[in-house]
């Protein structure tokens, strides 16, 4: 028998994607509590029925409420959505752990690989919350928050080791504009979501340098090849990278001006320093800036060649000039495409 879809859902993190997914859940008929880190964000959502800091002008449904009190948000929750940046997930989850409902599934929206531990987000959740894989799920795919909040048609992926959990969350988040598919390949789905941010930085850098669509297509295609190599080394299903969590997310993030990572890379390519590019983003996190280092280290640990990821790391953290990055990638030893 199918597991019931959760009715009361807590979304911890009120940034653009957390707010957009909270809206999806509410539009799918769930009772949603959005928990913001800052009280003024929760107060603004309550007063204006929108999130002016992150999704200005997007009306939020009445069955979505807001608070800055995690205990209030988690009280009675039948599912918990974790919508904080990947590098802050561990610290946040450690503070929330005593409040987590004992049986509620934990759903990650974060896309990254943790610095230091090199763990995927589901691994961090299992370690910190002390739960098994049967209680952890991941939502990923082409998830540009503003487009989803505007109810533009999109598909996504709910990945979980337990197919019944994936089905329950699929039912909980299906709307007329948001179509989730299920997948049991958590490893591949998470790697696709984390690595595409790094490739999007590379595409942004190329655009900032004035390069066009041929360059972007090359980076996207060769980027997918290196993501798939890492996935193979870690036991992912190769088919995942041809789907929404792989190619779908990669194309959206590398192509859209709404992509933080592509936009951040564009600033670097145009000559901004890392600090200047960060300041220009008004505090919005470009996940790939940090994840490029952890993904690079993960690849090295497993003997996987990821030249684009390595080059992005060098630009962000070792002072490599963006134009030198392009020369370095083009100057690599020639080889067969599938070798």
Protein backbone atom coordinates (compact mmCIF):
# COMPACT_ATOMS: atom_id res chain seq x y z
CA UNK A 1 0.00 0.00 0.00
CA UNK A 2 1.27 3.46 -0.88
CA UNK A 3 2.55 5.60 1.99
CA UNK A 4 0.27 8.59 2.61
CA UNK A 5 1.38 11.97 1.34
CA UNK A 6 2.33 14.29 4.21
CA UNK A 7 -0.22 17.00 4.93
CA UNK A 8 1.60 19.36 7.31
CA UNK A 9 5.05 20.29 6.01
CA UNK A 10 7.74 22.48 7.58
CA UNK A 11 10.09 24.24 5.17
CA UNK A 12 13.22 25.40 6.99
CA UNK A 13 14.83 28.19 5.01
CA UNK A 14 12.98 31.10 3.39
CA UNK A 15 15.28 32.00 0.52
CA UNK A 16 14.06 32.04 -3.06
CA UNK A 17 14.03 28.26 -3.64
CA UNK A 18 12.71 27.43 -0.17
CA UNK A 19 9.88 29.93 -0.62
CA UNK A 20 9.12 28.73 -4.16
CA UNK A 21 8.96 25.09 -3.07
CA UNK A 22 6.83 26.01 -0.06
CA UNK A 23 4.42 27.61 -2.53
CA UNK A 24 4.44 24.44 -4.65
CA UNK A 25 3.55 22.34 -1.60
CA UNK A 26 0.80 24.77 -0.59
CA UNK A 27 -0.61 24.84 -4.12
CA UNK A 28 -0.64 21.03 -3.98
CA UNK A 29 -2.93 21.25 -0.95
CA UNK A 30 -0.45 20.88 1.89
CA UNK A 31 -0.50 22.94 5.08
CA UNK A 32 2.92 24.60 4.96
CA UNK A 33 4.92 26.49 7.59
CA UNK A 34 7.87 28.44 6.18
CA UNK A 35 10.59 29.08 8.75
CA UNK A 36 12.84 32.08 8.12
CA UNK A 37 16.14 32.71 9.86
CA UNK A 38 15.33 36.41 10.21
CA UNK A 39 12.18 37.50 12.02
CA UNK A 40 11.63 40.39 9.61
CA UNK A 41 11.34 37.98 6.67
CA UNK A 42 8.67 35.93 8.45
CA UNK A 43 6.85 39.11 9.44
CA UNK A 44 6.93 40.37 5.85
CA UNK A 45 5.49 37.09 4.54
CA UNK A 46 2.72 37.26 7.14
CA UNK A 47 1.91 40.92 6.49
CA UNK A 48 2.21 41.07 2.70
CA UNK A 49 1.51 37.44 1.70
CA UNK A 50 4.73 37.51 -0.31
CA UNK A 51 8.47 37.29 0.34
CA UNK A 52 9.71 40.73 -0.77
CA UNK A 53 13.36 39.95 0.01
CA UNK A 54 13.60 36.87 -2.21
CA UNK A 55 10.53 36.56 -4.47
CA UNK A 56 9.08 40.07 -4.72
CA UNK A 57 5.68 40.34 -6.33
CA UNK A 58 4.84 36.63 -6.03
CA UNK A 59 1.62 36.11 -4.05
CA UNK A 60 1.71 33.25 -1.56
CA UNK A 61 -1.35 31.07 -0.84
CA UNK A 62 -3.27 31.33 2.44
CA UNK A 63 -2.33 27.79 3.54
CA UNK A 64 1.33 28.90 3.68
CA UNK A 65 2.23 30.58 6.96
CA UNK A 66 5.57 31.89 8.20
CA UNK A 67 7.53 31.98 11.43
CA UNK A 68 11.09 32.52 12.61
CA UNK A 69 10.68 29.97 15.41
CA UNK A 70 11.93 26.50 14.34
CA UNK A 71 10.13 24.83 17.24
CA UNK A 72 6.80 26.26 16.11
CA UNK A 73 7.49 25.32 12.49
CA UNK A 74 8.39 21.73 13.33
CA UNK A 75 5.58 21.07 15.79
CA UNK A 76 3.37 18.40 14.25
CA UNK A 77 5.22 18.37 10.91
CA UNK A 78 4.72 15.23 8.83
CA UNK A 79 7.63 16.12 6.53
CA UNK A 80 10.57 18.50 6.93
CA UNK A 81 12.09 20.29 3.95
CA UNK A 82 15.64 21.58 4.42
CA UNK A 83 16.11 24.65 2.23
CA UNK A 84 19.38 26.16 3.43
CA UNK A 85 22.69 26.52 1.52
CA UNK A 86 24.74 23.34 1.34
CA UNK A 87 27.69 24.62 3.37
CA UNK A 88 25.42 25.69 6.26
CA UNK A 89 23.24 22.58 6.34
CA UNK A 90 25.26 20.75 9.00
CA UNK A 91 25.29 23.63 11.50
CA UNK A 92 21.61 24.38 10.99
CA UNK A 93 20.58 20.75 11.26
CA UNK A 94 22.59 20.30 14.46
CA UNK A 95 20.58 23.12 16.05
CA UNK A 96 17.27 21.72 14.76
CA UNK A 97 17.92 18.08 15.59
CA UNK A 98 16.27 18.08 19.06
CA UNK A 99 13.11 19.54 17.49
CA UNK A 100 12.75 17.14 14.55
CA UNK A 101 9.64 14.94 14.58
CA UNK A 102 10.63 11.33 15.22
CA UNK A 103 9.17 9.82 12.05
CA UNK A 104 8.97 12.69 9.53
CA UNK A 105 10.97 12.33 6.31
CA UNK A 106 13.75 14.86 5.79
CA UNK A 107 13.86 16.40 2.32
CA UNK A 108 16.92 18.23 1.00
CA UNK A 109 16.70 21.08 -1.50
CA UNK A 110 20.41 21.95 -1.22
CA UNK A 111 22.76 21.24 -4.11
CA UNK A 112 26.38 20.87 -3.08
CA UNK A 113 29.15 18.73 -1.62
CA UNK A 114 30.25 19.65 1.89
CA UNK A 115 33.71 21.12 2.29
CA UNK A 116 35.99 19.01 4.45
CA UNK A 117 33.86 15.88 4.76
CA UNK A 118 33.13 15.70 0.98
CA UNK A 119 29.69 14.35 1.83
CA UNK A 120 26.58 14.80 -0.27
CA UNK A 121 23.68 16.55 1.44
CA UNK A 122 21.73 13.34 2.10
CA UNK A 123 24.83 11.92 3.79
CA UNK A 124 25.10 15.00 5.99
CA UNK A 125 21.43 14.66 6.94
CA UNK A 126 21.77 10.98 7.81
CA UNK A 127 24.85 11.64 9.91
CA UNK A 128 23.61 14.68 11.82
CA UNK A 129 19.99 13.63 12.29
CA UNK A 130 20.90 10.03 13.02
CA UNK A 131 18.37 8.60 10.54
CA UNK A 132 18.49 5.91 7.89
CA UNK A 133 18.25 6.37 4.16
CA UNK A 134 14.59 5.35 4.26
CA UNK A 135 13.76 8.75 5.82
CA UNK A 136 15.80 10.99 3.50
CA UNK A 137 14.81 12.39 0.10
CA UNK A 138 16.16 14.94 -2.36
CA UNK A 139 14.33 17.34 -4.69
CA UNK A 140 16.39 18.36 -7.70
CA UNK A 141 16.21 19.17 -11.41
CA UNK A 142 15.78 22.43 -13.35
CA UNK A 143 14.63 24.44 -10.35
CA UNK A 144 14.95 28.14 -11.20
CA UNK A 145 12.94 29.50 -8.29
CA UNK A 146 11.45 32.59 -9.93
CA UNK A 147 10.05 30.65 -12.89
CA UNK A 148 8.51 28.02 -10.61
CA UNK A 149 7.06 30.70 -8.32
CA UNK A 150 5.55 32.32 -11.42
CA UNK A 151 3.92 28.94 -12.15
CA UNK A 152 5.75 28.36 -15.42
CA UNK A 153 5.51 24.66 -16.38
CA UNK A 154 8.44 22.60 -15.12
CA UNK A 155 9.37 19.05 -14.19
CA UNK A 156 11.58 17.97 -11.34
CA UNK A 157 12.81 14.85 -9.54
CA UNK A 158 12.06 13.48 -6.08
CA UNK A 159 14.85 11.02 -5.29
CA UNK A 160 14.80 8.61 -2.36
CA UNK A 161 16.20 5.17 -1.65
CA UNK A 162 12.71 4.14 -0.54
CA UNK A 163 10.43 4.28 -3.60
CA UNK A 164 7.35 4.59 -1.36
CA UNK A 165 8.78 7.75 0.21
CA UNK A 166 9.50 9.17 -3.24
CA UNK A 167 5.93 8.43 -4.32
CA UNK A 168 4.47 10.05 -1.19
CA UNK A 169 6.49 13.23 -1.74
CA UNK A 170 5.62 13.17 -5.43
CA UNK A 171 1.93 13.25 -4.52
CA UNK A 172 2.56 15.99 -1.97
CA UNK A 173 4.19 18.32 -4.52
CA UNK A 174 2.29 17.73 -7.75
CA UNK A 175 0.49 20.79 -9.15
CA UNK A 176 -0.78 21.99 -12.49
CA UNK A 177 2.58 23.63 -13.17
CA UNK A 178 5.06 21.48 -11.21
CA UNK A 179 5.45 17.84 -12.30
CA UNK A 180 7.77 15.75 -10.11
CA UNK A 181 9.14 12.40 -11.26
CA UNK A 182 10.53 9.78 -8.87
CA UNK A 183 14.01 8.27 -8.86
CA UNK A 184 15.82 5.94 -6.46
CA UNK A 185 19.32 7.01 -7.58
CA UNK A 186 20.02 9.49 -4.80
CA UNK A 187 23.77 9.52 -5.53
CA UNK A 188 23.35 10.47 -9.20
CA UNK A 189 20.64 13.03 -8.53
CA UNK A 190 22.71 14.79 -5.88
CA UNK A 191 25.90 14.77 -7.93
CA UNK A 192 24.06 16.20 -10.92
CA UNK A 193 22.64 19.01 -8.77
CA UNK A 194 25.94 19.84 -7.12
CA UNK A 195 28.23 19.65 -10.14
CA UNK A 196 26.03 21.62 -12.53
CA UNK A 197 26.61 24.74 -10.40
CA UNK A 198 30.33 24.51 -11.16
CA UNK A 199 29.76 24.08 -14.90
CA UNK A 200 27.37 27.05 -14.79
CA UNK A 201 30.16 29.15 -13.28
CA UNK A 202 32.36 28.13 -16.20
CA UNK A 203 29.64 29.09 -18.69
CA UNK A 204 29.22 32.43 -16.96
CA UNK A 205 32.95 33.06 -17.05
CA UNK A 206 32.97 32.27 -20.77
CA UNK A 207 30.08 34.66 -21.37
CA UNK A 208 31.82 37.37 -19.36
CA UNK A 209 34.84 36.94 -21.61
CA UNK A 210 32.62 37.55 -24.64
CA UNK A 211 32.46 33.98 -25.90
CA UNK A 212 29.27 32.75 -27.54
CA UNK A 213 27.03 29.72 -27.89
CA UNK A 214 29.60 27.31 -29.31
CA UNK A 215 31.71 27.79 -26.20
CA UNK A 216 28.69 27.39 -23.92
CA UNK A 217 27.59 24.21 -25.71
CA UNK A 218 31.10 22.82 -25.43
CA UNK A 219 31.25 23.50 -21.69
CA UNK A 220 27.80 22.04 -21.07
CA UNK A 221 28.53 18.87 -23.03
CA UNK A 222 32.02 18.29 -21.68
CA UNK A 223 30.79 19.29 -18.24
CA UNK A 224 28.15 16.58 -18.40
CA UNK A 225 30.86 14.10 -19.38
CA UNK A 226 32.94 14.87 -16.30
CA UNK A 227 29.88 14.78 -14.02
CA UNK A 228 29.01 11.35 -15.41
CA UNK A 229 32.57 10.13 -14.83
CA UNK A 230 32.37 11.12 -11.18
CA UNK A 231 28.94 9.53 -10.91
CA UNK A 232 30.22 6.25 -12.34
CA UNK A 233 33.05 6.20 -9.80
CA UNK A 234 30.59 6.72 -6.93
CA UNK A 235 28.03 4.16 -8.06
CA UNK A 236 25.39 6.35 -9.69
CA UNK A 237 23.09 5.13 -12.45
CA UNK A 238 24.44 6.55 -15.77
CA UNK A 239 20.86 7.06 -17.00
CA UNK A 240 20.29 9.69 -14.30
CA UNK A 241 22.63 12.12 -16.03
CA UNK A 242 20.53 12.04 -19.21
CA UNK A 243 17.46 13.07 -17.22
CA UNK A 244 16.11 16.04 -15.31
CA UNK A 245 18.62 15.80 -12.47
CA UNK A 246 21.49 15.70 -14.95
CA UNK A 247 21.11 17.31 -18.37
CA UNK A 248 17.88 19.11 -17.44
CA UNK A 249 19.34 20.92 -14.45
CA UNK A 250 22.62 21.53 -16.25
CA UNK A 251 21.01 23.24 -19.25
CA UNK A 252 18.76 25.45 -17.12
CA UNK A 253 21.53 26.55 -14.77
CA UNK A 254 24.11 27.13 -17.49
CA UNK A 255 21.74 29.02 -19.81
CA UNK A 256 19.48 31.23 -17.71
CA UNK A 257 20.23 34.77 -16.52
CA UNK A 258 18.22 33.78 -13.42
CA UNK A 259 20.98 31.34 -12.46
CA UNK A 260 23.09 32.71 -9.61
CA UNK A 261 26.07 30.61 -10.60
CA UNK A 262 26.02 31.63 -14.26
CA UNK A 263 25.57 35.28 -13.26
CA UNK A 264 28.39 35.08 -10.72
CA UNK A 265 30.68 33.51 -13.31
CA UNK A 266 29.78 36.26 -15.76
CA UNK A 267 31.00 38.87 -13.29
CA UNK A 268 34.30 37.00 -12.86
CA UNK A 269 34.74 36.71 -16.60
CA UNK A 270 34.10 40.43 -17.01
CA UNK A 271 36.92 41.23 -14.59
CA UNK A 272 35.35 41.36 -11.12
CA UNK A 273 37.23 39.93 -8.17
CA UNK A 274 35.63 37.20 -6.08
CA UNK A 275 34.77 39.77 -3.41
CA UNK A 276 33.27 42.18 -5.95
CA UNK A 277 31.20 39.42 -7.56
CA UNK A 278 29.96 38.32 -4.15
CA UNK A 279 28.97 41.87 -3.16
CA UNK A 280 27.12 42.34 -6.43
CA UNK A 281 24.98 39.31 -5.63
CA UNK A 282 23.38 41.03 -2.61
CA UNK A 283 24.13 38.13 -0.32
CA UNK A 284 22.59 35.46 -2.59
CA UNK A 285 24.73 32.31 -2.45
CA UNK A 286 26.36 30.96 -5.63
CA UNK A 287 26.78 27.39 -4.40
CA UNK A 288 29.39 26.46 -7.00
CA UNK A 289 31.96 28.91 -5.64
CA UNK A 290 32.55 26.67 -2.62
CA UNK A 291 31.42 23.35 -4.06
CA UNK A 292 33.96 23.55 -6.88
CA UNK A 293 36.65 22.90 -4.26
CA UNK A 294 34.92 19.99 -2.53
CA UNK A 295 33.88 18.38 -5.83
CA UNK A 296 37.42 18.74 -7.15
CA UNK A 297 38.79 17.07 -4.02
CA UNK A 298 36.17 14.31 -4.24
CA UNK A 299 37.16 13.66 -7.86
CA UNK A 300 40.85 13.54 -6.96
CA UNK A 301 40.11 11.09 -4.14
CA UNK A 302 38.46 8.74 -6.65
CA UNK A 303 40.95 9.27 -9.49
CA UNK A 304 38.41 11.04 -11.73
CA UNK A 305 39.52 13.69 -14.20
CA UNK A 306 37.35 16.84 -14.03
CA UNK A 307 39.23 19.56 -15.92
CA UNK A 308 36.44 22.15 -16.01
CA UNK A 309 35.83 21.81 -12.28
CA UNK A 310 39.56 22.08 -11.63
CA UNK A 311 39.80 25.22 -13.76
CA UNK A 312 36.84 26.88 -12.01
CA UNK A 313 38.43 26.11 -8.63
CA UNK A 314 41.66 27.75 -9.81
CA UNK A 315 39.82 30.88 -10.98
CA UNK A 316 37.81 31.19 -7.75
CA UNK A 317 40.47 30.26 -5.23
CA UNK A 318 43.97 30.23 -6.75
CA UNK A 319 44.08 33.45 -8.74
CA UNK A 320 43.94 31.96 -12.25
CA UNK A 321 42.85 34.60 -14.75
CA UNK A 322 39.60 33.69 -16.54
CA UNK A 323 41.20 34.03 -19.98
CA UNK A 324 44.01 31.75 -18.89
CA UNK A 325 41.36 29.22 -17.86
CA UNK A 326 40.08 29.10 -21.44
CA UNK A 327 43.58 28.64 -22.82
CA UNK A 328 44.34 25.89 -20.32
CA UNK A 329 41.21 23.92 -21.21
CA UNK A 330 41.79 24.23 -24.95
CA UNK A 331 45.46 23.39 -24.60
CA UNK A 332 44.92 20.01 -22.95
CA UNK A 333 46.19 16.87 -24.68
CA UNK A 334 44.00 15.84 -27.62
CA UNK A 335 42.06 12.58 -27.31
CA UNK A 336 39.02 10.66 -28.57
CA UNK A 337 35.67 12.05 -27.37
CA UNK A 338 34.66 8.95 -25.40
CA UNK A 339 38.05 8.00 -24.00
